[in-house]
PDB file of N, CA and C in Angstrom:
ATOM      1  N   MET A   1     131.776  78.199  86.347  1.00  0.00           N
ATOM      2  CA  MET A   1     130.712  79.105  86.007  1.00  0.00           C
ATOM      3  C   MET A   1     129.352  78.568  86.468  1.00  0.00           C
ATOM      4  N   ARG A   2     129.168  77.274  86.294  1.00  0.00           N
ATOM      5  CA  ARG A   2     127.912  76.645  86.675  1.00  0.00           C
ATOM      6  C   ARG A   2     127.724  76.656  88.189  1.00  0.00           C
ATOM      7  N   SER A   3     128.796  76.406  88.911  1.00  0.00           N
ATOM      8  CA  SER A   3     128.704  76.405  90.375  1.00  0.00           C
ATOM      9  C   SER A   3     128.451  77.814  90.908  1.00  0.00           C
ATOM     10  N   MET A   4     128.904  78.828  90.223  1.00  0.00           N
ATOM     11  CA  MET A   4     128.655  80.212  90.630  1.00  0.00           C
ATOM     12  C   MET A   4     127.165  80.542  90.500  1.00  0.00           C
ATOM     13  N   LYS A   5     126.502  80.064  89.444  1.00  0.00           N
ATOM     14  CA  LYS A   5     125.071  80.294  89.259  1.00  0.00           C
ATOM     15  C   LYS A   5     124.264  79.594  90.360  1.00  0.00           C
ATOM     16  N   ARG A   6     124.683  78.377  90.704  1.00  0.00           N
ATOM     17  CA  ARG A   6     124.009  77.650  91.784  1.00  0.00           C
ATOM     18  C   ARG A   6     124.147  78.384  93.102  1.00  0.00           C
ATOM     19  N   LEU A   7     125.344  78.850  93.383  1.00  0.00           N
ATOM     20  CA  LEU A   7     125.589  79.576  94.628  1.00  0.00           C
ATOM     21  C   LEU A   7     124.757  80.852  94.680  1.00  0.00           C
ATOM     22  N   THR A   8     124.672  81.554  93.566  1.00  0.00           N
ATOM     23  CA  THR A   8     123.876  82.782  93.506  1.00  0.00           C
ATOM     24  C   THR A   8     122.399  82.474  93.740  1.00  0.00           C
ATOM     25  N   ARG A   9     121.896  81.411  93.133  1.00  0.00           N
ATOM     26  CA  ARG A   9     120.491  81.024  93.327  1.00  0.00           C
ATOM     27  C   ARG A   9     120.219  80.642  94.776  1.00  0.00           C
ATOM     28  N   ARG A  10     121.128  79.924  95.389  1.00  0.00           N
ATOM     29  CA  ARG A  10     120.941  79.522  96.793  1.00  0.00           C
ATOM     30  C   ARG A  10     120.947  80.724  97.721  1.00  0.00           C
ATOM     31  N   ILE A  11     121.861  81.653  97.447  1.00  0.00           N
ATOM     32  CA  ILE A  11     121.904  82.863  98.286  1.00  0.00           C
ATOM     33  C   ILE A  11     120.622  83.659  98.111  1.00  0.00           C
ATOM     34  N   LEU A  12     120.170  83.826  96.874  1.00  0.00           N
ATOM     35  CA  LEU A  12     118.940  84.560  96.607  1.00  0.00           C
ATOM     36  C   LEU A  12     117.735  83.873  97.258  1.00  0.00           C
ATOM     37  N   ALA A  13     117.678  82.557  97.188  1.00  0.00           N
ATOM     38  CA  ALA A  13     116.579  81.818  97.823  1.00  0.00           C
ATOM     39  C   ALA A  13     116.621  81.985  99.339  1.00  0.00           C
ATOM     40  N   GLY A  14     117.814  81.958  99.917  1.00  0.00           N
ATOM     41  CA  GLY A  14     117.946  82.153 101.358  1.00  0.00           C
ATOM     42  C   GLY A  14     117.502  83.536 101.794  1.00  0.00           C
ATOM     43  N   VAL A  15     117.860  84.545 101.015  1.00  0.00           N
ATOM     44  CA  VAL A  15     117.439  85.921 101.332  1.00  0.00           C
ATOM     45  C   VAL A  15     115.921  86.041 101.227  1.00  0.00           C
ATOM     46  N   CYS A  16     115.332  85.465 100.183  1.00  0.00           N
ATOM     47  CA  CYS A  16     113.872  85.521 100.025  1.00  0.00           C
ATOM     48  C   CYS A  16     113.156  84.816 101.175  1.00  0.00           C
ATOM     49  N   LEU A  17     113.661  83.672 101.576  1.00  0.00           N
ATOM     50  CA  LEU A  17     113.060  82.960 102.711  1.00  0.00           C
ATOM     51  C   LEU A  17     113.201  83.760 104.003  1.00  0.00           C
ATOM     52  N   GLY A  18     114.333  84.394 104.193  1.00  0.00           N
ATOM     53  CA  GLY A  18     114.541  85.207 105.390  1.00  0.00           C
ATOM     54  C   GLY A  18     113.606  86.397 105.441  1.00  0.00           C
ATOM     55  N   VAL A  19     113.433  87.066 104.313  1.00  0.00           N
ATOM     56  CA  VAL A  19     112.531  88.217 104.254  1.00  0.00           C
ATOM     57  C   VAL A  19     111.092  87.791 104.497  1.00  0.00           C
ATOM     58  N   SER A  20     110.672  86.685 103.888  1.00  0.00           N
ATOM     59  CA  SER A  20     109.290  86.240 104.100  1.00  0.00           C
ATOM     60  C   SER A  20     109.070  85.789 105.539  1.00  0.00           C
ATOM     61  N   ALA A  21     110.072  85.189 106.172  1.00  0.00           N
ATOM     62  CA  ALA A  21     109.941  84.778 107.575  1.00  0.00           C
ATOM     63  C   ALA A  21     109.818  85.999 108.480  1.00  0.00           C
ATOM     64  N   CYS A  22     110.608  87.029 108.190  1.00  0.00           N
ATOM     65  CA  CYS A  22     110.506  88.268 108.989  1.00  0.00           C
ATOM     66  C   CYS A  22     109.137  88.915 108.822  1.00  0.00           C
ATOM     67  N   GLY A  23     108.611  88.880 107.610  1.00  0.00           N
ATOM     68  CA  GLY A  23     107.280  89.440 107.367  1.00  0.00           C
ATOM     69  C   GLY A  23     106.201  88.689 108.110  1.00  0.00           C
ATOM     70  N   MET A  24     106.315  87.384 108.172  1.00  0.00           N
ATOM     71  CA  MET A  24     105.312  86.591 108.880  1.00  0.00           C
ATOM     72  C   MET A  24     105.380  86.815 110.388  1.00  0.00           C
ATOM     73  N   VAL A  25     106.557  86.989 110.909  1.00  0.00           N
ATOM     74  CA  VAL A  25     106.709  87.214 112.347  1.00  0.00           C
ATOM     75  C   VAL A  25     106.202  88.597 112.725  1.00  0.00           C
ATOM     76  N   SER A  26     106.458  89.592 111.897  1.00  0.00           N
ATOM     77  CA  SER A  26     106.038  90.951 112.234  1.00  0.00           C
ATOM     78  C   SER A  26     104.526  91.120 112.142  1.00  0.00           C
ATOM     79  N   CYS A  27     103.850  90.306 111.381  1.00  0.00           N
ATOM     80  CA  CYS A  27     102.389  90.369 111.245  1.00  0.00           C
ATOM     81  C   CYS A  27     101.756  89.197 111.985  1.00  0.00           C
ATOM     82  N   SER A  28     102.080  89.067 113.240  1.00  0.00           N
ATOM     83  CA  SER A  28     101.635  87.897 113.989  1.00  0.00           C
ATOM     84  C   SER A  28     100.168  87.953 114.389  1.00  0.00           C
ATOM     85  N   GLY A  29      99.508  89.086 114.229  1.00  0.00           N
ATOM     86  CA  GLY A  29      98.091  89.171 114.533  1.00  0.00           C
ATOM     87  C   GLY A  29      97.792  89.393 116.001  1.00  0.00           C
ATOM     88  N   VAL A  30      98.691  89.984 116.733  1.00  0.00           N
ATOM     89  CA  VAL A  30      98.458  90.273 118.139  1.00  0.00           C
ATOM     90  C   VAL A  30      97.455  91.423 118.227  1.00  0.00           C
ATOM     91  N   ALA A  31      96.386  91.219 118.963  1.00  0.00           N
ATOM     92  CA  ALA A  31      95.354  92.241 119.094  1.00  0.00           C
ATOM     93  C   ALA A  31      95.845  93.382 119.983  1.00  0.00           C
ATOM     94  N   ILE A  32      95.526  94.601 119.571  1.00  0.00           N
ATOM     95  CA  ILE A  32      95.888  95.786 120.352  1.00  0.00           C
ATOM     96  C   ILE A  32      94.721  96.087 121.282  1.00  0.00           C
ATOM     97  N   PRO A  33      94.955  96.132 122.587  1.00  0.00           N
ATOM     98  CA  PRO A  33      93.852  96.388 123.515  1.00  0.00           C
ATOM     99  C   PRO A  33      93.355  97.829 123.388  1.00  0.00           C
ATOM    100  N   PRO A  34      92.092  98.093 123.755  1.00  0.00           N
ATOM    101  CA  PRO A  34      91.571  99.458 123.680  1.00  0.00           C
ATOM    102  C   PRO A  34      92.293 100.377 124.657  1.00  0.00           C
ATOM    103  N   THR A  35      92.351 101.648 124.313  1.00  0.00           N
ATOM    104  CA  THR A  35      93.048 102.632 125.147  1.00  0.00           C
ATOM    105  C   THR A  35      92.326 102.829 126.474  1.00  0.00           C
ATOM    106  N   TYR A  36      91.002 102.945 126.416  1.00  0.00           N
ATOM    107  CA  TYR A  36      90.199 103.156 127.624  1.00  0.00           C
ATOM    108  C   TYR A  36      89.131 102.068 127.715  1.00  0.00           C
ATOM    109  N   THR A  37      88.763 101.706 128.942  1.00  0.00           N
ATOM    110  CA  THR A  37      87.647 100.786 129.143  1.00  0.00           C
ATOM    111  C   THR A  37      86.343 101.572 129.053  1.00  0.00           C
ATOM    112  N   GLN A  38      85.219 100.863 128.948  1.00  0.00           N
ATOM    113  CA  GLN A  38      83.930 101.536 128.869  1.00  0.00           C
ATOM    114  C   GLN A  38      83.631 102.336 130.139  1.00  0.00           C
ATOM    115  N   ALA A  39      84.057 101.824 131.284  1.00  0.00           N
ATOM    116  CA  ALA A  39      83.832 102.538 132.550  1.00  0.00           C
ATOM    117  C   ALA A  39      84.635 103.844 132.574  1.00  0.00           C
ATOM    118  N   GLU A  40      85.857 103.816 132.062  1.00  0.00           N
ATOM    119  CA  GLU A  40      86.674 105.035 132.023  1.00  0.00           C
ATOM    120  C   GLU A  40      86.082 106.055 131.053  1.00  0.00           C
ATOM    121  N   LEU A  41      85.596 105.587 129.910  1.00  0.00           N
ATOM    122  CA  LEU A  41      84.978 106.501 128.955  1.00  0.00           C
ATOM    123  C   LEU A  41      83.714 107.126 129.526  1.00  0.00           C
ATOM    124  N   LYS A  42      82.946 106.343 130.285  1.00  0.00           N
ATOM    125  CA  LYS A  42      81.736 106.872 130.917  1.00  0.00           C
ATOM    126  C   LYS A  42      82.100 107.946 131.938  1.00  0.00           C
ATOM    127  N   ALA A  43      83.131 107.703 132.733  1.00  0.00           N
ATOM    128  CA  ALA A  43      83.559 108.681 133.737  1.00  0.00           C
ATOM    129  C   ALA A  43      84.047 109.968 133.076  1.00  0.00           C
ATOM    130  N   ILE A  44      84.802 109.852 132.003  1.00  0.00           N
ATOM    131  CA  ILE A  44      85.291 111.036 131.283  1.00  0.00           C
ATOM    132  C   ILE A  44      84.119 111.825 130.719  1.00  0.00           C
ATOM    133  N   CYS A  45      83.160 111.121 130.146  1.00  0.00           N
ATOM    134  CA  CYS A  45      81.986 111.771 129.576  1.00  0.00           C
ATOM    135  C   CYS A  45      81.205 112.541 130.642  1.00  0.00           C
ATOM    136  N   GLU A  46      80.965 111.898 131.779  1.00  0.00           N
ATOM    137  CA  GLU A  46      80.190 112.548 132.839  1.00  0.00           C
ATOM    138  C   GLU A  46      80.952 113.713 133.458  1.00  0.00           C
ATOM    139  N   ARG A  47      82.266 113.618 133.535  1.00  0.00           N
ATOM    140  CA  ARG A  47      83.062 114.731 134.056  1.00  0.00           C
ATOM    141  C   ARG A  47      82.975 115.960 133.161  1.00  0.00           C
ATOM    142  N   ARG A  48      82.818 115.736 131.878  1.00  0.00           N
ATOM    143  CA  ARG A  48      82.757 116.845 130.922  1.00  0.00           C
ATOM    144  C   ARG A  48      81.328 117.331 130.696  1.00  0.00           C
ATOM    145  N   GLY A  49      80.380 116.807 131.455  1.00  0.00           N
ATOM    146  CA  GLY A  49      78.999 117.276 131.383  1.00  0.00           C
ATOM    147  C   GLY A  49      78.149 116.578 130.341  1.00  0.00           C
ATOM    148  N   GLY A  50      78.518 115.395 129.936  1.00  0.00           N
ATOM    149  CA  GLY A  50      77.744 114.663 128.939  1.00  0.00           C
ATOM    150  C   GLY A  50      76.931 113.553 129.558  1.00  0.00           C
ATOM    151  N   TRP A  51      76.157 112.875 128.705  1.00  0.00           N
ATOM    152  CA  TRP A  51      75.361 111.732 129.131  1.00  0.00           C
ATOM    153  C   TRP A  51      75.887 110.501 128.406  1.00  0.00           C
ATOM    154  N   TRP A  52      76.185 109.469 129.166  1.00  0.00           N
ATOM    155  CA  TRP A  52      76.713 108.242 128.583  1.00  0.00           C
ATOM    156  C   TRP A  52      75.580 107.301 128.232  1.00  0.00           C
ATOM    157  N   HIS A  53      75.603 106.759 127.019  1.00  0.00           N
ATOM    158  CA  HIS A  53      74.608 105.792 126.567  1.00  0.00           C
ATOM    159  C   HIS A  53      75.314 104.465 126.331  1.00  0.00           C
ATOM    160  N   ASP A  54      74.908 103.444 127.085  1.00  0.00           N
ATOM    161  CA  ASP A  54      75.491 102.112 126.901  1.00  0.00           C
ATOM    162  C   ASP A  54      75.000 101.513 125.586  1.00  0.00           C
ATOM    163  N   ASP A  55      75.898 100.824 124.907  1.00  0.00           N
ATOM    164  CA  ASP A  55      75.557 100.146 123.666  1.00  0.00           C
ATOM    165  C   ASP A  55      76.429  98.908 123.575  1.00  0.00           C
ATOM    166  N   ASP A  56      75.801  97.738 123.687  1.00  0.00           N
ATOM    167  CA  ASP A  56      76.566  96.490 123.667  1.00  0.00           C
ATOM    168  C   ASP A  56      77.196  96.210 122.306  1.00  0.00           C
ATOM    169  N   LEU A  57      76.557  96.664 121.248  1.00  0.00           N
ATOM    170  CA  LEU A  57      77.054  96.378 119.906  1.00  0.00           C
ATOM    171  C   LEU A  57      78.260  97.237 119.551  1.00  0.00           C
ATOM    172  N   MET A  58      78.157  98.542 119.747  1.00  0.00           N
ATOM    173  CA  MET A  58      79.230  99.468 119.351  1.00  0.00           C
ATOM    174  C   MET A  58      80.092  99.934 120.519  1.00  0.00           C
ATOM    175  N   GLY A  59      79.702  99.671 121.735  1.00  0.00           N
ATOM    176  CA  GLY A  59      80.531 100.018 122.877  1.00  0.00           C
ATOM    177  C   GLY A  59      80.119 101.263 123.620  1.00  0.00           C
ATOM    178  N   GLY A  60      79.035 101.907 123.259  1.00  0.00           N
ATOM    179  CA  GLY A  60      78.564 103.082 123.978  1.00  0.00           C
ATOM    180  C   GLY A  60      79.076 104.367 123.361  1.00  0.00           C
ATOM    181  N   PHE A  61      78.393 105.476 123.735  1.00  0.00           N
ATOM    182  CA  PHE A  61      78.811 106.778 123.227  1.00  0.00           C
ATOM    183  C   PHE A  61      78.396 107.863 124.199  1.00  0.00           C
ATOM    184  N   CYS A  62      79.022 109.012 124.049  1.00  0.00           N
ATOM    185  CA  CYS A  62      78.762 110.155 124.922  1.00  0.00           C
ATOM    186  C   CYS A  62      77.962 111.188 124.141  1.00  0.00           C
ATOM    187  N   GLU A  63      76.941 111.744 124.788  1.00  0.00           N
ATOM    188  CA  GLU A  63      76.105 112.766 124.159  1.00  0.00           C
ATOM    189  C   GLU A  63      76.255 114.065 124.940  1.00  0.00           C
ATOM    190  N   TYR A  64      76.502 115.137 124.207  1.00  0.00           N
ATOM    191  CA  TYR A  64      76.612 116.461 124.810  1.00  0.00           C
ATOM    192  C   TYR A  64      75.468 117.323 124.303  1.00  0.00           C
ATOM    193  N   GLN A  65      75.049 118.269 125.140  1.00  0.00           N
ATOM    194  CA  GLN A  65      74.034 119.222 124.708  1.00  0.00           C
ATOM    195  C   GLN A  65      74.749 120.314 123.929  1.00  0.00           C
ATOM    196  N   SER A  66      74.217 120.671 122.779  1.00  0.00           N
ATOM    197  CA  SER A  66      74.896 121.677 121.950  1.00  0.00           C
ATOM    198  C   SER A  66      74.832 123.042 122.642  1.00  0.00           C
ATOM    199  N   ALA A  67      75.753 123.889 122.306  1.00  0.00           N
ATOM    200  CA  ALA A  67      75.883 125.196 122.970  1.00  0.00           C
ATOM    201  C   ALA A  67      74.654 126.059 122.762  1.00  0.00           C
ATOM    202  N   GLY A  68      73.985 125.924 121.628  1.00  0.00           N
ATOM    203  CA  GLY A  68      72.806 126.723 121.341  1.00  0.00           C
ATOM    204  C   GLY A  68      71.599 126.331 122.161  1.00  0.00           C
ATOM    205  N   LEU A  69      71.596 125.115 122.698  1.00  0.00           N
ATOM    206  CA  LEU A  69      70.443 124.637 123.462  1.00  0.00           C
ATOM    207  C   LEU A  69      70.648 124.722 124.966  1.00  0.00           C
ATOM    208  N   GLN A  70      71.801 125.121 125.423  1.00  0.00           N
ATOM    209  CA  GLN A  70      72.076 125.196 126.857  1.00  0.00           C
ATOM    210  C   GLN A  70      71.366 126.389 127.481  1.00  0.00           C
ATOM    211  N   ALA A  71      70.908 126.191 128.713  1.00  0.00           N
ATOM    212  CA  ALA A  71      70.226 127.255 129.445  1.00  0.00           C
ATOM    213  C   ALA A  71      71.259 128.310 129.871  1.00  0.00           C
ATOM    214  N   PRO A  72      70.864 129.590 129.850  1.00  0.00           N
ATOM    215  CA  PRO A  72      71.820 130.649 130.232  1.00  0.00           C
ATOM    216  C   PRO A  72      72.138 130.653 131.698  1.00  0.00           C
TER     217      PRO A  72
END
């Protein structure tokens, strides 16, 4: 009976260690690269009729003229 409890504890400890190891491997912290580069975003913006504003801190943004302000 005593050896059965030891075996159960060892199996449970092994399963817990295996699960924690899998969790650590899956969260390895690999950075996901951006979908588009700043040059590609600028080209897309200009193709759609916008103005690209460079911003070193946030990465730049595209500005469009609202429909109400466009010349007829």
